[in-house]
Amino acid sequence: MVDKRKLNEKKFKNWEEFEWGRRYWYEVEGKLGWKARYVKEVDINENTLRFYQEIYDNDGRQIEVHHKYPIDEGHIRLKDKT
């Protein structure tokens, strides 16, 4: 059997532990200063509960979220950039 925890730790590199499970994440820097954070939340058995993407602007403020699992909700803009 594949050790899900080892695979998640290898892929995501960052995590926090909670009483309900873990939250893993990794970040990708964009060419124009923005940042995307990919987040995976799992239960204590390492079964995926949620997977989503957070988008941050050049100032480090979260501007979008894209919930991908269990239901793909598309990108949701959190603020207007005016």
Protein backbone atom coordinates (compact mmCIF):
# COMPACT_ATOMS: atom_id res chain seq x y z
CA MET A 1 0.00 0.00 0.00
CA VAL A 2 1.22 3.48 -0.84
CA ASP A 3 2.00 5.70 2.15
CA LYS A 4 -0.22 8.72 1.43
CA ARG A 5 1.44 10.85 4.12
CA LYS A 6 4.93 10.39 2.63
CA LEU A 7 3.63 11.25 -0.84
CA ASN A 8 1.87 14.38 0.44
CA GLU A 9 4.95 15.49 2.39
CA LYS A 10 7.15 14.97 -0.68
CA LYS A 11 4.85 16.92 -3.00
CA PHE A 12 3.77 19.77 -0.74
CA LYS A 13 6.82 20.35 1.56
CA ASN A 14 4.75 22.54 3.98
CA TRP A 15 2.04 21.41 6.36
CA GLU A 16 0.19 22.15 9.58
CA GLU A 17 -1.29 19.53 11.88
CA PHE A 18 -4.77 19.84 13.36
CA GLU A 19 -6.97 17.57 15.47
CA TRP A 20 -8.99 16.74 12.32
CA GLY A 21 -5.98 16.07 10.04
CA ARG A 22 -3.45 18.14 8.10
CA ARG A 23 -3.29 21.09 5.73
CA TYR A 24 -0.56 20.84 3.08
CA TRP A 25 0.50 23.61 0.71
CA TYR A 26 3.06 24.74 -1.81
CA GLU A 27 3.51 28.08 -3.55
CA VAL A 28 4.26 29.11 -7.12
CA GLU A 29 5.67 32.55 -7.94
CA GLY A 30 4.29 34.29 -11.01
CA LYS A 31 6.45 36.28 -13.42
CA LEU A 32 4.69 39.56 -12.61
CA GLY A 33 4.88 39.38 -8.80
CA TRP A 34 1.71 37.44 -8.00
CA LYS A 35 1.73 34.14 -6.13
CA ALA A 36 -0.47 31.04 -6.23
CA ARG A 37 -0.76 28.74 -3.21
CA TYR A 38 -2.10 25.21 -3.70
CA VAL A 39 -3.71 23.83 -0.55
CA LYS A 40 -4.77 20.26 0.24
CA GLU A 41 -6.67 19.42 3.43
CA VAL A 42 -6.77 15.78 4.53
CA ASP A 43 -8.32 13.84 7.41
CA ILE A 44 -6.29 11.81 9.92
CA ASN A 45 -6.20 8.91 7.42
CA GLU A 46 -4.80 11.24 4.71
CA ASN A 47 -8.04 11.13 2.69
CA THR A 48 -8.54 14.38 0.78
CA LEU A 49 -11.24 16.65 2.24
CA ARG A 50 -10.61 19.78 0.16
CA PHE A 51 -8.22 21.01 -2.51
CA TYR A 52 -8.09 24.64 -3.56
CA GLN A 53 -5.90 27.36 -5.04
CA GLU A 54 -5.36 30.79 -3.50
CA ILE A 55 -4.14 33.70 -5.65
CA TYR A 56 -2.22 36.60 -4.08
CA ASP A 57 -1.42 39.98 -5.65
CA ASN A 58 1.96 41.77 -5.71
CA ASP A 59 1.35 43.09 -2.16
CA GLY A 60 0.65 39.62 -0.72
CA ARG A 61 -3.13 40.14 -0.42
CA GLN A 62 -5.34 37.21 -1.33
CA ILE A 63 -7.51 38.24 -4.26
CA GLU A 64 -8.98 34.96 -5.54
CA VAL A 65 -9.74 31.44 -4.42
CA HIS A 66 -10.53 28.46 -6.64
CA HIS A 67 -12.07 25.49 -4.83
CA LYS A 68 -11.30 22.44 -6.97
CA TYR A 69 -12.31 19.49 -4.78
CA PRO A 70 -14.79 18.08 -3.79
CA ILE A 71 -16.71 20.42 -6.15
CA ASP A 72 -15.03 22.67 -8.70
CA GLU A 73 -16.52 26.09 -7.98
CA GLY A 74 -14.34 28.05 -10.39
CA HIS A 75 -12.39 31.19 -9.49
CA ILE A 76 -14.02 33.46 -6.92
CA ARG A 77 -12.73 37.04 -6.80
CA LEU A 78 -12.36 38.27 -3.22
CA LYS A 79 -11.86 41.97 -3.94
CA ASP A 80 -11.95 44.46 -6.79
CA LYS A 81 -8.64 45.83 -8.04
CA THR A 82 -9.53 49.39 -8.91
